[in-house]
Amino acid sequence: MTLRDSQQGAGHIVAVLAIVILAVVGFVGYRTYQAGQDSSAPTPATNQEPQPATVPDDINNKDDLTQADKAVEAAPVKSDLDTKKLDQDVGELF
C-alpha cells in the first residue's frame, strides 16, 4: 500500500467539508436576516402621546444635563436647513 493509495478518498472529504461550511454560513446569514426583519416590524400604536422634554432653566447637575439632552434630541429638525449658512454663522462666532 503506497501513500497514493491511502489518499484516494481525500477529495470527497474536502468536498463534504466545503458543503458543510457553506451550509453553516448560509444558516447564520439567514438567521441574521430574519432577526433584522423581525426588529424592523412596525410596533402597535399606543394611546399615550410622548410628552415633550422640557429644558431646565439652569443646568446644575447631571440630571439637568440629561434632561436638556433629551429635549434637544426630541426637537424636530427642519428638512430645509441650509448647512452652508449654518457654517457661516458658526464661523462668525469664532
N, C-alpha and C. Protein backbone atom coordinates (compact mmCIF):
# COMPACT_ATOMS: atom_id res chain seq x y z
N MET A 1 0.85 -1.18 0.00
CA MET A 1 0.00 0.00 0.00
C MET A 1 0.89 1.24 0.00
N THR A 2 0.73 2.04 -1.02
CA THR A 2 1.56 3.23 -1.14
C THR A 2 0.80 4.44 -0.60
N LEU A 3 1.50 5.55 -0.49
CA LEU A 3 0.90 6.78 0.01
C LEU A 3 -0.21 7.26 -0.91
N ARG A 4 -0.03 7.05 -2.19
CA ARG A 4 -1.04 7.48 -3.15
C ARG A 4 -2.35 6.70 -2.98
N ASP A 5 -2.28 5.45 -2.68
CA ASP A 5 -3.47 4.64 -2.49
C ASP A 5 -4.24 5.06 -1.24
N SER A 6 -3.54 5.52 -0.21
CA SER A 6 -4.21 5.88 1.04
C SER A 6 -4.87 7.26 0.97
N GLN A 7 -4.57 8.04 -0.07
CA GLN A 7 -5.16 9.38 -0.20
C GLN A 7 -6.29 9.40 -1.22
N GLN A 8 -6.77 8.27 -1.63
CA GLN A 8 -7.77 8.21 -2.68
C GLN A 8 -9.09 8.90 -2.32
N GLY A 9 -9.56 8.84 -1.10
CA GLY A 9 -10.85 9.43 -0.71
C GLY A 9 -10.74 10.84 -0.17
N ALA A 10 -9.58 11.46 -0.21
CA ALA A 10 -9.39 12.80 0.37
C ALA A 10 -10.20 13.86 -0.36
N GLY A 11 -10.39 13.74 -1.64
CA GLY A 11 -11.17 14.71 -2.41
C GLY A 11 -12.62 14.76 -1.97
N HIS A 12 -13.16 13.62 -1.63
CA HIS A 12 -14.55 13.57 -1.17
C HIS A 12 -14.70 14.26 0.19
N ILE A 13 -13.71 14.07 1.04
CA ILE A 13 -13.76 14.69 2.37
C ILE A 13 -13.70 16.21 2.24
N VAL A 14 -12.86 16.72 1.36
CA VAL A 14 -12.75 18.16 1.14
C VAL A 14 -14.07 18.71 0.59
N ALA A 15 -14.69 17.99 -0.33
CA ALA A 15 -15.96 18.44 -0.89
C ALA A 15 -17.05 18.48 0.17
N VAL A 16 -17.13 17.46 1.01
CA VAL A 16 -18.13 17.43 2.08
C VAL A 16 -17.86 18.55 3.08
N LEU A 17 -16.60 18.80 3.41
CA LEU A 17 -16.24 19.87 4.33
C LEU A 17 -16.64 21.23 3.76
N ALA A 18 -16.42 21.45 2.47
CA ALA A 18 -16.80 22.71 1.84
C ALA A 18 -18.32 22.89 1.88
N ILE A 19 -19.08 21.83 1.65
CA ILE A 19 -20.54 21.92 1.68
C ILE A 19 -21.02 22.24 3.10
N VAL A 20 -20.42 21.63 4.10
CA VAL A 20 -20.80 21.90 5.50
C VAL A 20 -20.51 23.36 5.85
N ILE A 21 -19.35 23.87 5.44
CA ILE A 21 -19.01 25.27 5.74
C ILE A 21 -19.99 26.21 5.05
N LEU A 22 -20.32 25.96 3.80
CA LEU A 22 -21.30 26.80 3.10
C LEU A 22 -22.67 26.74 3.76
N ALA A 23 -23.05 25.57 4.24
CA ALA A 23 -24.35 25.44 4.92
C ALA A 23 -24.37 26.24 6.22
N VAL A 24 -23.28 26.20 6.97
CA VAL A 24 -23.22 26.96 8.23
C VAL A 24 -23.27 28.46 7.95
N VAL A 25 -22.50 28.93 6.98
CA VAL A 25 -22.51 30.35 6.65
C VAL A 25 -23.89 30.78 6.16
N GLY A 26 -24.52 29.96 5.35
CA GLY A 26 -25.87 30.27 4.87
C GLY A 26 -26.89 30.32 5.99
N PHE A 27 -26.79 29.38 6.92
CA PHE A 27 -27.71 29.35 8.06
C PHE A 27 -27.55 30.60 8.93
N VAL A 28 -26.31 30.96 9.22
CA VAL A 28 -26.06 32.16 10.04
C VAL A 28 -26.56 33.40 9.33
N GLY A 29 -26.33 33.49 8.03
CA GLY A 29 -26.83 34.63 7.27
C GLY A 29 -28.34 34.71 7.26
N TYR A 30 -28.99 33.57 7.11
CA TYR A 30 -30.44 33.54 7.11
C TYR A 30 -31.00 33.97 8.46
N ARG A 31 -30.41 33.47 9.53
CA ARG A 31 -30.89 33.85 10.87
C ARG A 31 -30.67 35.34 11.14
N THR A 32 -29.56 35.88 10.67
CA THR A 32 -29.30 37.31 10.84
C THR A 32 -30.30 38.12 10.04
N TYR A 33 -30.60 37.69 8.83
CA TYR A 33 -31.59 38.38 8.01
C TYR A 33 -32.96 38.34 8.68
N GLN A 34 -33.33 37.18 9.21
CA GLN A 34 -34.62 37.05 9.89
C GLN A 34 -34.70 37.95 11.10
N ALA A 35 -33.65 38.03 11.87
CA ALA A 35 -33.63 38.88 13.06
C ALA A 35 -33.79 40.34 12.67
N GLY A 36 -33.18 40.74 11.58
CA GLY A 36 -33.32 42.11 11.11
C GLY A 36 -34.73 42.42 10.64
N GLN A 37 -35.38 41.45 10.02
CA GLN A 37 -36.75 41.65 9.56
C GLN A 37 -37.71 41.74 10.75
N ASP A 38 -37.48 40.94 11.77
CA ASP A 38 -38.36 40.95 12.94
C ASP A 38 -38.24 42.26 13.71
N SER A 39 -37.03 42.81 13.81
CA SER A 39 -36.85 44.02 14.60
C SER A 39 -37.35 45.26 13.87
N SER A 40 -37.49 45.19 12.53
CA SER A 40 -37.97 46.36 11.80
C SER A 40 -39.48 46.34 11.60
N ALA A 41 -40.15 45.37 12.18
CA ALA A 41 -41.60 45.29 12.07
C ALA A 41 -42.22 46.46 12.83
N PRO A 42 -43.28 47.04 12.30
CA PRO A 42 -43.89 48.18 13.00
C PRO A 42 -44.48 47.76 14.34
N THR A 43 -44.33 48.63 15.29
CA THR A 43 -44.87 48.35 16.62
C THR A 43 -46.29 48.89 16.69
N PRO A 44 -47.14 48.27 17.47
CA PRO A 44 -48.51 48.76 17.58
C PRO A 44 -48.55 50.14 18.23
N ALA A 45 -49.47 50.96 17.77
CA ALA A 45 -49.58 52.32 18.31
C ALA A 45 -50.15 52.26 19.72
N THR A 46 -49.68 53.18 20.54
CA THR A 46 -50.18 53.27 21.90
C THR A 46 -51.11 54.48 22.00
N ASN A 47 -51.90 54.50 23.03
CA ASN A 47 -52.84 55.61 23.24
C ASN A 47 -52.15 56.83 23.81
N GLN A 48 -50.99 56.66 24.39
CA GLN A 48 -50.30 57.77 25.02
C GLN A 48 -49.39 58.45 24.00
N GLU A 49 -49.46 59.76 23.96
CA GLU A 49 -48.55 60.52 23.12
C GLU A 49 -47.32 60.86 23.95
N PRO A 50 -46.15 60.85 23.35
CA PRO A 50 -44.96 61.17 24.13
C PRO A 50 -44.98 62.63 24.59
N GLN A 51 -44.60 62.83 25.81
CA GLN A 51 -44.56 64.16 26.37
C GLN A 51 -43.26 64.84 25.93
N PRO A 52 -43.34 66.08 25.46
CA PRO A 52 -42.11 66.75 25.05
C PRO A 52 -41.22 67.01 26.26
N ALA A 53 -39.94 66.82 26.06
CA ALA A 53 -38.99 67.06 27.16
C ALA A 53 -38.80 68.56 27.32
N THR A 54 -38.70 68.99 28.55
CA THR A 54 -38.50 70.41 28.83
C THR A 54 -37.05 70.66 29.17
N VAL A 55 -36.58 71.82 28.78
CA VAL A 55 -35.20 72.19 29.05
C VAL A 55 -35.18 72.94 30.38
N PRO A 56 -34.33 72.53 31.32
CA PRO A 56 -34.25 73.25 32.59
C PRO A 56 -33.66 74.64 32.39
N ASP A 57 -34.05 75.58 33.26
CA ASP A 57 -33.53 76.94 33.15
C ASP A 57 -32.03 76.99 33.40
N ASP A 58 -31.58 76.28 34.41
CA ASP A 58 -30.15 76.21 34.74
C ASP A 58 -29.73 74.75 34.77
N ILE A 59 -28.55 74.49 34.29
CA ILE A 59 -28.01 73.13 34.34
C ILE A 59 -27.01 73.09 35.48
N ASN A 60 -27.45 72.45 36.58
CA ASN A 60 -26.62 72.42 37.78
C ASN A 60 -26.07 71.04 38.11
N ASN A 61 -26.66 70.01 37.51
CA ASN A 61 -26.19 68.66 37.81
C ASN A 61 -26.38 67.76 36.60
N LYS A 62 -26.02 66.50 36.77
CA LYS A 62 -26.07 65.55 35.66
C LYS A 62 -27.51 65.30 35.20
N ASP A 63 -28.46 65.29 36.12
CA ASP A 63 -29.86 65.07 35.75
C ASP A 63 -30.38 66.20 34.86
N ASP A 64 -30.00 67.45 35.18
CA ASP A 64 -30.40 68.58 34.35
C ASP A 64 -29.80 68.46 32.94
N LEU A 65 -28.56 68.04 32.88
CA LEU A 65 -27.90 67.87 31.59
C LEU A 65 -28.56 66.76 30.77
N THR A 66 -28.91 65.67 31.43
CA THR A 66 -29.60 64.57 30.75
C THR A 66 -30.95 65.02 30.23
N GLN A 67 -31.67 65.79 31.02
CA GLN A 67 -32.98 66.29 30.62
C GLN A 67 -32.85 67.24 29.42
N ALA A 68 -31.85 68.10 29.44
CA ALA A 68 -31.63 69.01 28.32
C ALA A 68 -31.24 68.24 27.06
N ASP A 69 -30.42 67.20 27.21
CA ASP A 69 -30.02 66.38 26.07
C ASP A 69 -31.22 65.70 25.44
N LYS A 70 -32.12 65.19 26.26
CA LYS A 70 -33.34 64.54 25.75
C LYS A 70 -34.21 65.54 25.00
N ALA A 71 -34.28 66.78 25.50
CA ALA A 71 -35.08 67.80 24.82
C ALA A 71 -34.49 68.15 23.46
N VAL A 72 -33.18 68.22 23.38
CA VAL A 72 -32.53 68.54 22.11
C VAL A 72 -32.72 67.40 21.12
N GLU A 73 -32.58 66.17 21.58
CA GLU A 73 -32.74 65.02 20.69
C GLU A 73 -34.18 64.89 20.19
N ALA A 74 -35.15 65.31 20.99
CA ALA A 74 -36.56 65.19 20.62
C ALA A 74 -37.02 66.33 19.72
N ALA A 75 -36.24 67.39 19.62
CA ALA A 75 -36.63 68.54 18.83
C ALA A 75 -36.63 68.19 17.34
N PRO A 76 -37.65 68.62 16.61
CA PRO A 76 -37.68 68.33 15.17
C PRO A 76 -36.61 69.14 14.44
N VAL A 77 -36.08 68.54 13.38
CA VAL A 77 -35.06 69.20 12.58
C VAL A 77 -35.70 69.62 11.27
N LYS A 78 -35.45 70.86 10.87
CA LYS A 78 -36.01 71.35 9.62
C LYS A 78 -35.34 70.64 8.46
N SER A 79 -36.14 70.17 7.51
CA SER A 79 -35.58 69.48 6.36
C SER A 79 -34.96 70.45 5.37
N ASP A 80 -35.33 71.73 5.44
CA ASP A 80 -34.79 72.71 4.51
C ASP A 80 -33.65 73.52 5.14
N LEU A 81 -32.99 72.97 6.13
CA LEU A 81 -31.91 73.65 6.83
C LEU A 81 -30.74 73.87 5.87
N ASP A 82 -30.28 75.11 5.77
CA ASP A 82 -29.16 75.46 4.90
C ASP A 82 -27.87 75.30 5.70
N THR A 83 -27.15 74.23 5.44
CA THR A 83 -25.94 73.95 6.21
C THR A 83 -24.82 74.94 5.92
N LYS A 84 -24.76 75.50 4.71
CA LYS A 84 -23.72 76.49 4.41
C LYS A 84 -23.92 77.75 5.24
N LYS A 85 -25.17 78.17 5.38
CA LYS A 85 -25.46 79.35 6.20
C LYS A 85 -25.13 79.07 7.66
N LEU A 86 -25.43 77.87 8.11
CA LEU A 86 -25.12 77.50 9.48
C LEU A 86 -23.61 77.51 9.71
N ASP A 87 -22.83 77.01 8.76
CA ASP A 87 -21.38 77.03 8.88
C ASP A 87 -20.84 78.46 8.92
N GLN A 88 -21.44 79.34 8.13
CA GLN A 88 -21.01 80.74 8.14
C GLN A 88 -21.31 81.38 9.50
N ASP A 89 -22.49 81.12 10.02
CA ASP A 89 -22.87 81.69 11.30
C ASP A 89 -21.94 81.20 12.42
N VAL A 90 -21.64 79.92 12.40
CA VAL A 90 -20.74 79.38 13.42
C VAL A 90 -19.35 79.96 13.25
N GLY A 91 -18.91 80.11 12.00
CA GLY A 91 -17.58 80.68 11.73
C GLY A 91 -17.48 82.11 12.22
N GLU A 92 -18.57 82.89 12.12
CA GLU A 92 -18.56 84.26 12.60
C GLU A 92 -18.46 84.36 14.12
N LEU A 93 -18.91 83.32 14.81
CA LEU A 93 -18.84 83.32 16.27
C LEU A 93 -17.39 83.22 16.75
N PHE A 94 -16.55 82.58 15.95
CA PHE A 94 -15.16 82.39 16.35
C PHE A 94 -14.34 83.43 15.70
